[in-house]
Amino acid sequence: MIEQHLSELAALALVARDSLGPALAETMAAVADAVLSGRTVLSFGNGGSATQAQHFAAELVVRYKGDRPALPAIALTADTAILTACANDYDFDSVFARQVEALGRPGDVALGLSTSGRSPNVVRALEAARGRGMRTILLTGERGAAEAQRWDHGLVVPSLETAHIQEIHLALLHLLCRGVDAERLRRAESGEACASETATEVSPAV
């Protein structure tokens, strides 16, 4: 059982590496450009994907590996008051879209995770994000391949196995973080300013 699971995962990682190369590079560049320009990443998903959305936001706000200034990211899965109020007063399909409407700005990033690609609340949030001029990203599995084509960036893990899709999704999120850190270092070495690190002086209240 152990050998089978890890062997399947290792094989899938190699297939994903080969199939996702160009799309992943483009997605990494888009996320890095957004957050280093002061834009915010809004991440969301259900179940295990919800925790991955929070994991990703935490690594942007706190850090991935090396120390660096905090970067703007919010997981829309974390506020139980908002989630339950929206589900109770409207419907569960709106729990992420409502927050996108409140928090999203043009140029921000909406990153949805859905192993099937068909989670109604994820799709609706991406639709709301597109309507607000945000960049849209969907991480999904083989069943979500058609849905992934609707958005600015779609990363499709070529598998029907939910657990393995989620395991590769985590690796993809880590690569997005690495892409941000690498681009930040490149800009620092070339003397380019990052909007996310530009301090704004605030006059003391009188």
C-alpha atoms as a PDB file:
ATOM      1  CA  MET A   1       0.000   0.000   0.000  1.00  0.00           C
ATOM      2  CA  ILE A   2       2.720   2.465   0.981  1.00  0.00           C
ATOM      3  CA  GLU A   3       4.901   1.624  -1.997  1.00  0.00           C
ATOM      4  CA  GLN A   4       1.935   1.760  -4.381  1.00  0.00           C
ATOM      5  CA  HIS A   5       0.745   5.170  -3.197  1.00  0.00           C
ATOM      6  CA  LEU A   6       4.160   6.798  -3.289  1.00  0.00           C
ATOM      7  CA  SER A   7       5.054   5.189  -6.612  1.00  0.00           C
ATOM      8  CA  GLU A   8       1.818   6.464  -8.154  1.00  0.00           C
ATOM      9  CA  LEU A   9       2.487   9.931  -6.773  1.00  0.00           C
ATOM     10  CA  ALA A  10       6.062   9.985  -8.059  1.00  0.00           C
ATOM     11  CA  ALA A  11       4.936   8.893 -11.515  1.00  0.00           C
ATOM     12  CA  LEU A  12       2.188  11.510 -11.568  1.00  0.00           C
ATOM     13  CA  ALA A  13       4.622  14.241 -10.530  1.00  0.00           C
ATOM     14  CA  LEU A  14       6.779  13.471 -13.565  1.00  0.00           C
ATOM     15  CA  VAL A  15       3.790  13.454 -15.910  1.00  0.00           C
ATOM     16  CA  ALA A  16       2.562  16.745 -14.404  1.00  0.00           C
ATOM     17  CA  ARG A  17       6.011  18.269 -14.815  1.00  0.00           C
ATOM     18  CA  ASP A  18       5.998  17.485 -18.518  1.00  0.00           C
ATOM     19  CA  SER A  19       2.367  18.423 -19.196  1.00  0.00           C
ATOM     20  CA  LEU A  20       2.212  21.614 -17.135  1.00  0.00           C
ATOM     21  CA  GLY A  21       5.574  23.191 -17.958  1.00  0.00           C
ATOM     22  CA  PRO A  22       4.605  26.212 -20.104  1.00  0.00           C
ATOM     23  CA  ALA A  23       1.254  26.815 -18.376  1.00  0.00           C
ATOM     24  CA  LEU A  24       2.889  26.634 -14.955  1.00  0.00           C
ATOM     25  CA  ALA A  25       5.647  29.057 -15.954  1.00  0.00           C
ATOM     26  CA  GLU A  26       3.039  31.554 -17.196  1.00  0.00           C
ATOM     27  CA  THR A  27       1.011  31.186 -13.992  1.00  0.00           C
ATOM     28  CA  MET A  28       4.097  31.668 -11.827  1.00  0.00           C
ATOM     29  CA  ALA A  29       4.944  34.855 -13.723  1.00  0.00           C
ATOM     30  CA  ALA A  30       1.397  36.194 -13.405  1.00  0.00           C
ATOM     31  CA  VAL A  31       1.225  35.618  -9.642  1.00  0.00           C
ATOM     32  CA  ALA A  32       4.682  37.087  -9.070  1.00  0.00           C
ATOM     33  CA  ASP A  33       3.917  40.168 -11.150  1.00  0.00           C
ATOM     34  CA  ALA A  34       0.649  40.727  -9.298  1.00  0.00           C
ATOM     35  CA  VAL A  35       1.852  40.442  -5.711  1.00  0.00           C
ATOM     36  CA  LEU A  36       5.104  42.300  -6.338  1.00  0.00           C
ATOM     37  CA  SER A  37       3.034  45.102  -7.862  1.00  0.00           C
ATOM     38  CA  GLY A  38       0.991  45.391  -4.678  1.00  0.00           C
ATOM     39  CA  ARG A  39      -1.972  43.329  -5.821  1.00  0.00           C
ATOM     40  CA  THR A  40      -3.685  40.795  -3.576  1.00  0.00           C
ATOM     41  CA  VAL A  41      -4.172  37.063  -4.061  1.00  0.00           C
ATOM     42  CA  LEU A  42      -7.582  35.743  -2.994  1.00  0.00           C
ATOM     43  CA  SER A  43      -7.494  31.941  -2.687  1.00  0.00           C
ATOM     44  CA  PHE A  44     -10.394  29.551  -2.101  1.00  0.00           C
ATOM     45  CA  GLY A  45     -11.597  25.950  -2.327  1.00  0.00           C
ATOM     46  CA  ASN A  46     -13.561  23.326  -0.404  1.00  0.00           C
ATOM     47  CA  GLY A  47     -12.462  20.669   2.077  1.00  0.00           C
ATOM     48  CA  GLY A  48      -8.825  19.770   1.560  1.00  0.00           C
ATOM     49  CA  SER A  49      -8.607  22.466  -1.089  1.00  0.00           C
ATOM     50  CA  ALA A  50      -9.783  24.997   1.506  1.00  0.00           C
ATOM     51  CA  THR A  51      -6.849  24.182   3.735  1.00  0.00           C
ATOM     52  CA  GLN A  52      -4.505  24.424   0.752  1.00  0.00           C
ATOM     53  CA  ALA A  53      -5.908  27.871  -0.017  1.00  0.00           C
ATOM     54  CA  GLN A  54      -5.044  28.904   3.548  1.00  0.00           C
ATOM     55  CA  HIS A  55      -1.629  27.268   3.327  1.00  0.00           C
ATOM     56  CA  PHE A  56      -0.835  29.279   0.185  1.00  0.00           C
ATOM     57  CA  ALA A  57      -1.991  32.564   1.690  1.00  0.00           C
ATOM     58  CA  ALA A  58       0.061  31.909   4.828  1.00  0.00           C
ATOM     59  CA  GLU A  59       3.230  31.336   2.831  1.00  0.00           C
ATOM     60  CA  LEU A  60       2.759  34.619   0.974  1.00  0.00           C
ATOM     61  CA  VAL A  61       1.907  36.671   4.059  1.00  0.00           C
ATOM     62  CA  VAL A  62       4.517  35.071   6.334  1.00  0.00           C
ATOM     63  CA  ARG A  63       7.155  33.399   4.165  1.00  0.00           C
ATOM     64  CA  TYR A  64       7.869  30.380   2.014  1.00  0.00           C
ATOM     65  CA  LYS A  65      11.575  29.821   2.681  1.00  0.00           C
ATOM     66  CA  GLY A  66      13.757  32.874   3.111  1.00  0.00           C
ATOM     67  CA  ASP A  67      12.869  36.015   5.025  1.00  0.00           C
ATOM     68  CA  ARG A  68      11.220  38.762   2.980  1.00  0.00           C
ATOM     69  CA  PRO A  69       8.562  41.436   3.458  1.00  0.00           C
ATOM     70  CA  ALA A  70       4.983  40.202   3.806  1.00  0.00           C
ATOM     71  CA  LEU A  71       3.005  39.852   0.598  1.00  0.00           C
ATOM     72  CA  PRO A  72      -0.756  40.503   0.225  1.00  0.00           C
ATOM     73  CA  ALA A  73      -2.874  37.347   0.248  1.00  0.00           C
ATOM     74  CA  ILE A  74      -6.205  36.368   1.794  1.00  0.00           C
ATOM     75  CA  ALA A  75      -7.762  32.907   2.031  1.00  0.00           C
ATOM     76  CA  LEU A  76     -11.521  33.240   1.599  1.00  0.00           C
ATOM     77  CA  THR A  77     -12.016  29.961   3.464  1.00  0.00           C
ATOM     78  CA  ALA A  78     -10.944  31.169   6.898  1.00  0.00           C
ATOM     79  CA  ASP A  79     -13.640  33.530   8.217  1.00  0.00           C
ATOM     80  CA  THR A  80     -16.379  31.355   9.685  1.00  0.00           C
ATOM     81  CA  ALA A  81     -18.659  34.323  10.402  1.00  0.00           C
ATOM     82  CA  ILE A  82     -18.654  35.441   6.761  1.00  0.00           C
ATOM     83  CA  LEU A  83     -18.946  31.892   5.420  1.00  0.00           C
ATOM     84  CA  THR A  84     -21.860  30.927   7.635  1.00  0.00           C
ATOM     85  CA  ALA A  85     -23.652  34.266   7.273  1.00  0.00           C
ATOM     86  CA  CYS A  86     -23.497  34.063   3.492  1.00  0.00           C
ATOM     87  CA  ALA A  87     -24.498  30.395   3.407  1.00  0.00           C
ATOM     88  CA  ASN A  88     -27.410  31.090   5.753  1.00  0.00           C
ATOM     89  CA  ASP A  89     -28.662  34.366   4.253  1.00  0.00           C
ATOM     90  CA  TYR A  90     -27.991  33.546   0.590  1.00  0.00           C
ATOM     91  CA  ASP A  91     -26.570  30.135  -0.383  1.00  0.00           C
ATOM     92  CA  PHE A  92     -23.365  28.157  -0.145  1.00  0.00           C
ATOM     93  CA  ASP A  93     -22.599  28.684  -3.814  1.00  0.00           C
ATOM     94  CA  SER A  94     -22.055  32.391  -3.034  1.00  0.00           C
ATOM     95  CA  VAL A  95     -19.675  32.135  -0.072  1.00  0.00           C
ATOM     96  CA  PHE A  96     -16.532  32.944  -2.069  1.00  0.00           C
ATOM     97  CA  ALA A  97     -18.057  35.173  -4.749  1.00  0.00           C
ATOM     98  CA  ARG A  98     -19.488  37.492  -2.086  1.00  0.00           C
ATOM     99  CA  GLN A  99     -16.016  37.978  -0.618  1.00  0.00           C
ATOM    100  CA  VAL A 100     -14.520  38.547  -4.068  1.00  0.00           C
ATOM    101  CA  GLU A 101     -17.101  41.289  -4.583  1.00  0.00           C
ATOM    102  CA  ALA A 102     -16.082  42.881  -1.276  1.00  0.00           C
ATOM    103  CA  LEU A 103     -12.304  42.503  -1.491  1.00  0.00           C
ATOM    104  CA  GLY A 104     -11.287  42.045  -5.111  1.00  0.00           C
ATOM    105  CA  ARG A 105      -9.824  44.880  -7.148  1.00  0.00           C
ATOM    106  CA  PRO A 106      -8.727  45.076 -10.787  1.00  0.00           C
ATOM    107  CA  GLY A 107      -5.355  43.384 -11.197  1.00  0.00           C
ATOM    108  CA  ASP A 108      -5.761  41.201  -8.112  1.00  0.00           C
ATOM    109  CA  VAL A 109      -5.556  37.421  -8.435  1.00  0.00           C
ATOM    110  CA  ALA A 110      -8.385  34.960  -7.783  1.00  0.00           C
ATOM    111  CA  LEU A 111      -6.979  31.466  -7.300  1.00  0.00           C
ATOM    112  CA  GLY A 112      -9.516  28.665  -7.029  1.00  0.00           C
ATOM    113  CA  LEU A 113      -8.838  25.035  -6.223  1.00  0.00           C
ATOM    114  CA  SER A 114     -11.272  22.292  -7.229  1.00  0.00           C
ATOM    115  CA  THR A 115     -10.175  18.742  -7.966  1.00  0.00           C
ATOM    116  CA  SER A 116     -13.280  18.220 -10.117  1.00  0.00           C
ATOM    117  CA  GLY A 117     -13.306  21.717 -11.594  1.00  0.00           C
ATOM    118  CA  ARG A 118     -17.043  21.783 -11.024  1.00  0.00           C
ATOM    119  CA  SER A 119     -17.425  23.158  -7.486  1.00  0.00           C
ATOM    120  CA  PRO A 120     -20.208  25.746  -7.923  1.00  0.00           C
ATOM    121  CA  ASN A 121     -18.864  28.153  -5.305  1.00  0.00           C
ATOM    122  CA  VAL A 122     -15.375  28.094  -6.849  1.00  0.00           C
ATOM    123  CA  VAL A 123     -16.678  28.647 -10.374  1.00  0.00           C
ATOM    124  CA  ARG A 124     -18.980  31.447  -9.243  1.00  0.00           C
ATOM    125  CA  ALA A 125     -16.111  33.184  -7.430  1.00  0.00           C
ATOM    126  CA  LEU A 126     -13.947  33.025 -10.549  1.00  0.00           C
ATOM    127  CA  GLU A 127     -16.804  34.495 -12.560  1.00  0.00           C
ATOM    128  CA  ALA A 128     -17.133  37.329 -10.041  1.00  0.00           C
ATOM    129  CA  ALA A 129     -13.384  37.896 -10.206  1.00  0.00           C
ATOM    130  CA  ARG A 130     -13.408  38.125 -13.980  1.00  0.00           C
ATOM    131  CA  GLY A 131     -16.217  40.652 -13.775  1.00  0.00           C
ATOM    132  CA  ARG A 132     -14.035  42.809 -11.528  1.00  0.00           C
ATOM    133  CA  GLY A 133     -11.011  42.743 -13.813  1.00  0.00           C
ATOM    134  CA  MET A 134      -9.035  40.291 -11.719  1.00  0.00           C
ATOM    135  CA  ARG A 135      -6.650  37.640 -13.017  1.00  0.00           C
ATOM    136  CA  THR A 136      -8.233  34.200 -12.711  1.00  0.00           C
ATOM    137  CA  ILE A 137      -6.486  30.907 -11.955  1.00  0.00           C
ATOM    138  CA  LEU A 138      -7.972  27.428 -11.519  1.00  0.00           C
ATOM    139  CA  LEU A 139      -6.073  24.447 -10.151  1.00  0.00           C
ATOM    140  CA  THR A 140      -7.980  21.264 -10.945  1.00  0.00           C
ATOM    141  CA  GLY A 141      -7.748  17.621 -12.035  1.00  0.00           C
ATOM    142  CA  GLU A 142      -8.468  15.760 -15.234  1.00  0.00           C
ATOM    143  CA  ARG A 143     -12.239  16.108 -14.862  1.00  0.00           C
ATOM    144  CA  GLY A 144     -11.856  19.873 -14.761  1.00  0.00           C
ATOM    145  CA  ALA A 145      -9.824  20.222 -17.964  1.00  0.00           C
ATOM    146  CA  ALA A 146     -12.638  21.916 -19.897  1.00  0.00           C
ATOM    147  CA  GLU A 147     -13.410  24.312 -17.030  1.00  0.00           C
ATOM    148  CA  ALA A 148      -9.732  25.242 -16.736  1.00  0.00           C
ATOM    149  CA  GLN A 149      -9.766  26.591 -20.279  1.00  0.00           C
ATOM    150  CA  ARG A 150     -12.285  29.280 -19.302  1.00  0.00           C
ATOM    151  CA  TRP A 151      -9.844  31.170 -17.102  1.00  0.00           C
ATOM    152  CA  ASP A 152      -6.675  33.183 -17.596  1.00  0.00           C
ATOM    153  CA  HIS A 153      -4.574  30.332 -16.242  1.00  0.00           C
ATOM    154  CA  GLY A 154      -5.620  26.719 -15.762  1.00  0.00           C
ATOM    155  CA  LEU A 155      -3.380  24.087 -14.187  1.00  0.00           C
ATOM    156  CA  VAL A 156      -4.779  20.597 -14.790  1.00  0.00           C
ATOM    157  CA  VAL A 157      -3.261  17.674 -12.903  1.00  0.00           C
ATOM    158  CA  PRO A 158      -3.634  14.676 -15.261  1.00  0.00           C
ATOM    159  CA  SER A 159      -5.291  12.354 -12.759  1.00  0.00           C
ATOM    160  CA  LEU A 160      -8.748  11.246 -11.614  1.00  0.00           C
ATOM    161  CA  GLU A 161      -7.539  10.379  -8.102  1.00  0.00           C
ATOM    162  CA  THR A 162      -8.556  13.139  -5.683  1.00  0.00           C
ATOM    163  CA  ALA A 163      -5.787  12.498  -3.153  1.00  0.00           C
ATOM    164  CA  HIS A 164      -3.049  12.596  -5.779  1.00  0.00           C
ATOM    165  CA  ILE A 165      -4.521  15.703  -7.404  1.00  0.00           C
ATOM    166  CA  GLN A 166      -4.396  17.487  -4.057  1.00  0.00           C
ATOM    167  CA  GLU A 167      -0.828  16.333  -3.449  1.00  0.00           C
ATOM    168  CA  ILE A 168       0.282  17.777  -6.779  1.00  0.00           C
ATOM    169  CA  HIS A 169      -1.741  20.936  -6.121  1.00  0.00           C
ATOM    170  CA  LEU A 170       0.343  21.515  -3.006  1.00  0.00           C
ATOM    171  CA  ALA A 171       3.532  21.184  -5.039  1.00  0.00           C
ATOM    172  CA  LEU A 172       2.151  23.647  -7.593  1.00  0.00           C
ATOM    173  CA  LEU A 173       1.336  26.162  -4.856  1.00  0.00           C
ATOM    174  CA  HIS A 174       4.867  25.833  -3.532  1.00  0.00           C
ATOM    175  CA  LEU A 175       6.192  26.497  -7.027  1.00  0.00           C
ATOM    176  CA  LEU A 176       4.051  29.632  -7.239  1.00  0.00           C
ATOM    177  CA  CYS A 177       5.689  30.778  -3.993  1.00  0.00           C
ATOM    178  CA  ARG A 178       9.136  29.975  -5.348  1.00  0.00           C
ATOM    179  CA  GLY A 179       8.315  31.950  -8.462  1.00  0.00           C
ATOM    180  CA  VAL A 180       7.405  34.995  -6.380  1.00  0.00           C
ATOM    181  CA  ASP A 181      10.611  34.772  -4.357  1.00  0.00           C
ATOM    182  CA  ALA A 182      12.759  34.285  -7.460  1.00  0.00           C
ATOM    183  CA  GLU A 183      11.208  37.260  -9.237  1.00  0.00           C
ATOM    184  CA  ARG A 184      11.585  39.427  -6.143  1.00  0.00           C
ATOM    185  CA  LEU A 185      15.287  38.537  -5.992  1.00  0.00           C
ATOM    186  CA  ARG A 186      15.704  39.241  -9.717  1.00  0.00           C
ATOM    187  CA  ARG A 187      14.115  42.663  -9.324  1.00  0.00           C
ATOM    188  CA  ALA A 188      16.244  43.465  -6.292  1.00  0.00           C
ATOM    189  CA  GLU A 189      19.440  42.544  -8.125  1.00  0.00           C
ATOM    190  CA  SER A 190      18.460  44.671 -11.128  1.00  0.00           C
ATOM    191  CA  GLY A 191      17.423  47.635  -9.007  1.00  0.00           C
ATOM    192  CA  GLU A 192      13.714  47.393  -9.820  1.00  0.00           C
ATOM    193  CA  ALA A 193      11.340  48.501  -7.081  1.00  0.00           C
ATOM    194  CA  CYS A 194       8.613  46.201  -5.822  1.00  0.00           C
ATOM    195  CA  ALA A 195       5.400  48.037  -5.017  1.00  0.00           C
ATOM    196  CA  SER A 196       4.717  45.581  -2.209  1.00  0.00           C
ATOM    197  CA  GLU A 197       7.885  46.811  -0.453  1.00  0.00           C
ATOM    198  CA  THR A 198       7.538  50.524  -1.065  1.00  0.00           C
ATOM    199  CA  ALA A 199       6.978  52.234   2.257  1.00  0.00           C
ATOM    200  CA  THR A 200       4.450  54.997   2.459  1.00  0.00           C
ATOM    201  CA  GLU A 201       5.117  57.766   4.952  1.00  0.00           C
ATOM    202  CA  VAL A 202       2.144  58.631   7.084  1.00  0.00           C
ATOM    203  CA  SER A 203       2.019  61.977   8.808  1.00  0.00           C
ATOM    204  CA  PRO A 204       1.343  61.684  12.532  1.00  0.00           C
ATOM    205  CA  ALA A 205      -2.112  62.722  13.631  1.00  0.00           C
ATOM    206  CA  VAL A 206      -2.271  66.167  15.194  1.00  0.00           C
END
